[in-house]
Amino acid sequence: MSDVTRILDAIQQGDSKAADELLPLVYQELRRLAAYKMASEAPGQTLQPTALVHEAWLRLGGEAQPNWQNRAHFFAAAGEAMRRILIERARSKGRLRRGGEWQRVDIQNLTIAAEDPDETVLAVNEAIEKLAARDPLKAEIVKLRYFIGMNHQEIATALGTSEPTIRRHWNFARSWLYAELKQSSADSEKR
């Protein structure tokens, strides 16, 4: 049992001292994920890993943390919070440029969101939302891989499943996203 899971269990059982231990422990893990994600960003970006972690922490409830079921539940929520922050940032920039058209996305070279142009992040996000309607688990895997930068083993641990299962779902999701993004690109070119 990981430290995060142990602390989350203690919090659910009413141990107030355990709640004080949660922030430093998860903050470091979130900071590590954000730093990994933002490592390829050009210097001087307006969104730094620390700011991304702080914003995600606030969106997760800040000091008034909800009852997390387990480590996977917490990191899934953190991943979703980071994803939404990046999407809002990309949309905000897109509005400033009066919407700009989406660009083609090479799904074979899919990187983490921090490395891609805002238009690509928005296109991938829209495709993930469509995938979530069909298969929420595969969509969650894509979110953790694309928006947080987790590898297959980290995703398997966070979601409590095996690495081969994650790899299989990732391969399917990647192919599905490729087709979806190709169709979206073709549709936008017709406009």
Protein backbone atom coordinates (compact mmCIF):
# COMPACT_ATOMS: atom_id res chain seq x y z
CA MET A 1 0.00 0.00 0.00
CA SER A 2 1.44 3.35 -1.01
CA ASP A 3 1.83 6.24 1.41
CA VAL A 4 -0.85 8.18 -0.43
CA THR A 5 -3.34 5.32 -0.14
CA ARG A 6 -2.49 4.86 3.55
CA ILE A 7 -3.00 8.57 4.25
CA LEU A 8 -6.23 8.67 2.24
CA ASP A 9 -7.54 5.69 4.25
CA ALA A 10 -6.58 7.42 7.51
CA ILE A 11 -8.35 10.63 6.44
CA GLN A 12 -11.52 8.69 5.65
CA GLN A 13 -11.41 7.21 9.13
CA GLY A 14 -11.25 10.69 10.66
CA ASP A 15 -7.56 11.01 11.47
CA SER A 16 -7.04 14.79 11.27
CA LYS A 17 -3.27 14.44 11.60
CA ALA A 18 -3.20 12.38 8.40
CA ALA A 19 -4.75 15.25 6.45
CA ASP A 20 -1.72 17.38 7.30
CA GLU A 21 0.55 14.70 5.79
CA LEU A 22 -1.34 14.55 2.49
CA LEU A 23 -0.40 17.91 1.01
CA PRO A 24 3.40 17.55 1.20
CA LEU A 25 3.25 14.00 -0.14
CA VAL A 26 0.93 14.58 -3.09
CA TYR A 27 2.37 18.01 -3.80
CA GLN A 28 5.76 16.50 -4.54
CA GLU A 29 4.24 13.85 -6.82
CA LEU A 30 2.11 16.43 -8.61
CA ARG A 31 5.10 18.75 -8.91
CA ARG A 32 7.16 15.93 -10.39
CA LEU A 33 4.44 15.18 -12.95
CA ALA A 34 4.00 18.86 -13.81
CA ALA A 35 7.77 19.38 -14.12
CA TYR A 36 8.03 16.38 -16.42
CA LYS A 37 5.14 17.68 -18.46
CA MET A 38 6.50 21.21 -18.75
CA ALA A 39 10.18 20.26 -19.29
CA SER A 40 10.05 20.79 -23.02
CA GLU A 41 8.30 24.15 -22.84
CA ALA A 42 10.32 27.13 -23.99
CA PRO A 43 11.80 29.29 -21.19
CA GLY A 44 9.66 32.19 -20.06
CA GLN A 45 6.31 30.47 -20.53
CA THR A 46 3.46 32.00 -18.60
CA LEU A 47 2.47 28.64 -17.14
CA GLN A 48 5.16 27.00 -15.05
CA PRO A 49 4.96 23.56 -13.35
CA THR A 50 4.54 25.12 -9.92
CA ALA A 51 1.66 27.27 -11.13
CA LEU A 52 0.03 24.25 -12.78
CA VAL A 53 0.29 22.22 -9.56
CA HIS A 54 -1.05 25.08 -7.42
CA GLU A 55 -4.00 25.67 -9.72
CA ALA A 56 -4.76 21.93 -9.84
CA TRP A 57 -4.53 21.70 -6.03
CA LEU A 58 -6.98 24.57 -5.63
CA ARG A 59 -9.37 22.96 -8.07
CA LEU A 60 -9.13 19.71 -6.15
CA GLY A 61 -10.43 21.49 -3.06
CA GLY A 62 -7.30 23.03 -1.53
CA GLU A 63 -7.32 22.62 2.22
CA ALA A 64 -10.86 21.21 2.24
CA GLN A 65 -10.03 18.00 0.40
CA PRO A 66 -12.95 15.76 -0.49
CA ASN A 67 -12.91 12.11 0.52
CA TRP A 68 -10.72 10.36 -2.02
CA GLN A 69 -11.45 6.68 -2.48
CA ASN A 70 -7.84 5.76 -3.21
CA ARG A 71 -4.64 6.84 -4.94
CA ALA A 72 -6.08 6.19 -8.41
CA HIS A 73 -9.13 8.34 -7.63
CA PHE A 74 -6.95 11.20 -6.42
CA PHE A 75 -4.55 11.14 -9.38
CA ALA A 76 -7.39 10.75 -11.87
CA ALA A 77 -8.96 13.89 -10.39
CA ALA A 78 -5.59 15.67 -10.45
CA GLY A 79 -5.07 14.67 -14.08
CA GLU A 80 -8.51 15.96 -14.98
CA ALA A 81 -7.82 19.24 -13.18
CA MET A 82 -4.51 19.69 -15.03
CA ARG A 83 -6.20 18.81 -18.32
CA ARG A 84 -8.90 21.41 -17.77
CA ILE A 85 -6.34 24.06 -16.87
CA LEU A 86 -4.39 23.41 -20.08
CA ILE A 87 -7.59 23.36 -22.15
CA GLU A 88 -8.78 26.65 -20.63
CA ARG A 89 -5.36 28.18 -21.31
CA ALA A 90 -5.42 27.00 -24.92
CA ARG A 91 -8.98 28.23 -25.45
CA SER A 92 -8.13 31.57 -23.92
CA LYS A 93 -5.19 31.99 -26.29
CA GLY A 94 -7.37 30.85 -29.18
CA ARG A 95 -9.99 33.48 -28.36
CA LEU A 96 -7.29 36.11 -28.32
CA ARG A 97 -6.37 35.12 -31.85
CA ARG A 98 -10.05 35.03 -32.84
CA GLY A 99 -10.28 31.31 -32.88
CA GLY A 100 -7.61 30.35 -35.39
CA GLU A 101 -8.21 27.15 -37.36
CA TRP A 102 -7.13 23.78 -36.03
CA GLN A 103 -4.12 22.14 -37.55
CA ARG A 104 -3.46 18.56 -38.56
CA VAL A 105 -2.19 16.31 -35.78
CA ASP A 106 0.24 13.45 -36.32
CA ILE A 107 -1.07 10.96 -33.76
CA GLN A 108 1.91 8.64 -34.29
CA ASN A 109 4.13 11.27 -32.72
CA LEU A 110 1.66 12.24 -30.03
CA THR A 111 3.46 14.10 -27.28
CA ILE A 112 2.30 15.44 -23.96
CA ALA A 113 0.05 18.47 -24.15
CA ALA A 114 2.64 20.95 -22.94
CA GLU A 115 4.71 20.36 -26.09
CA ASP A 116 1.90 20.87 -28.59
CA PRO A 117 0.40 24.04 -30.03
CA ASP A 118 -2.83 25.19 -28.42
CA GLU A 119 -4.86 24.23 -31.48
CA THR A 120 -3.61 20.65 -31.20
CA VAL A 121 -4.42 20.50 -27.50
CA LEU A 122 -7.97 21.64 -28.26
CA ALA A 123 -8.38 19.14 -31.10
CA VAL A 124 -7.11 16.27 -28.95
CA ASN A 125 -9.35 17.35 -26.07
CA GLU A 126 -12.43 17.32 -28.30
CA ALA A 127 -11.51 13.87 -29.57
CA ILE A 128 -10.96 12.62 -26.00
CA GLU A 129 -14.43 13.86 -25.03
CA LYS A 130 -15.92 11.83 -27.90
CA LEU A 131 -13.87 8.80 -26.83
CA ALA A 132 -15.06 9.21 -23.22
CA ALA A 133 -18.66 8.87 -24.39
CA ARG A 134 -17.74 5.51 -25.95
CA ASP A 135 -15.15 4.19 -23.51
CA PRO A 136 -14.37 6.17 -20.35
CA LEU A 137 -11.40 3.96 -19.33
CA LYS A 138 -9.58 4.45 -22.62
CA ALA A 139 -10.28 8.18 -22.46
CA GLU A 140 -8.84 8.29 -18.93
CA ILE A 141 -5.69 6.51 -20.13
CA VAL A 142 -5.27 9.07 -22.91
CA LYS A 143 -5.76 11.94 -20.44
CA LEU A 144 -3.14 10.57 -18.05
CA ARG A 145 -0.70 9.92 -20.89
CA TYR A 146 -1.25 13.08 -22.93
CA PHE A 147 -2.07 15.72 -20.33
CA ILE A 148 0.07 14.51 -17.42
CA GLY A 149 2.79 12.60 -19.24
CA MET A 150 2.52 9.39 -17.26
CA ASN A 151 4.07 6.27 -18.75
CA HIS A 152 2.25 2.93 -19.05
CA GLN A 153 3.49 1.62 -15.70
CA GLU A 154 2.46 4.80 -13.85
CA ILE A 155 -0.98 4.70 -15.46
CA ALA A 156 -1.40 1.03 -14.57
CA THR A 157 -0.50 1.79 -10.96
CA ALA A 158 -2.79 4.81 -10.79
CA LEU A 159 -5.74 2.95 -12.29
CA GLY A 160 -5.07 -0.30 -10.47
CA THR A 161 -4.73 -2.48 -13.56
CA SER A 162 -1.95 -4.28 -15.40
CA GLU A 163 0.56 -2.64 -17.70
CA PRO A 164 -0.29 -4.95 -20.65
CA THR A 165 -3.95 -3.92 -20.32
CA ILE A 166 -2.95 -0.26 -20.37
CA ARG A 167 -0.76 -0.83 -23.44
CA ARG A 168 -3.60 -2.63 -25.24
CA HIS A 169 -6.10 0.14 -24.40
CA TRP A 170 -3.55 2.82 -25.36
CA ASN A 171 -2.95 1.21 -28.78
CA PHE A 172 -6.69 1.11 -29.46
CA ALA A 173 -7.24 4.67 -28.21
CA ARG A 174 -4.31 6.00 -30.22
CA SER A 175 -5.70 4.44 -33.41
CA TRP A 176 -9.19 5.72 -32.66
CA LEU A 177 -7.86 9.21 -31.97
CA TYR A 178 -5.87 9.17 -35.21
CA ALA A 179 -9.01 8.41 -37.21
CA GLU A 180 -11.06 10.99 -35.29
CA LEU A 181 -8.47 13.75 -35.67
CA LYS A 182 -8.01 12.94 -39.36
CA GLN A 183 -11.78 13.23 -39.87
CA SER A 184 -11.93 16.50 -37.89
CA SER A 185 -9.07 17.92 -39.94
CA ALA A 186 -10.78 16.95 -43.20
CA ASP A 187 -14.04 18.51 -42.00
CA SER A 188 -12.31 21.78 -41.03
CA GLU A 189 -10.58 21.96 -44.44
CA LYS A 190 -13.96 21.74 -46.18
CA ARG A 191 -15.16 24.86 -44.36
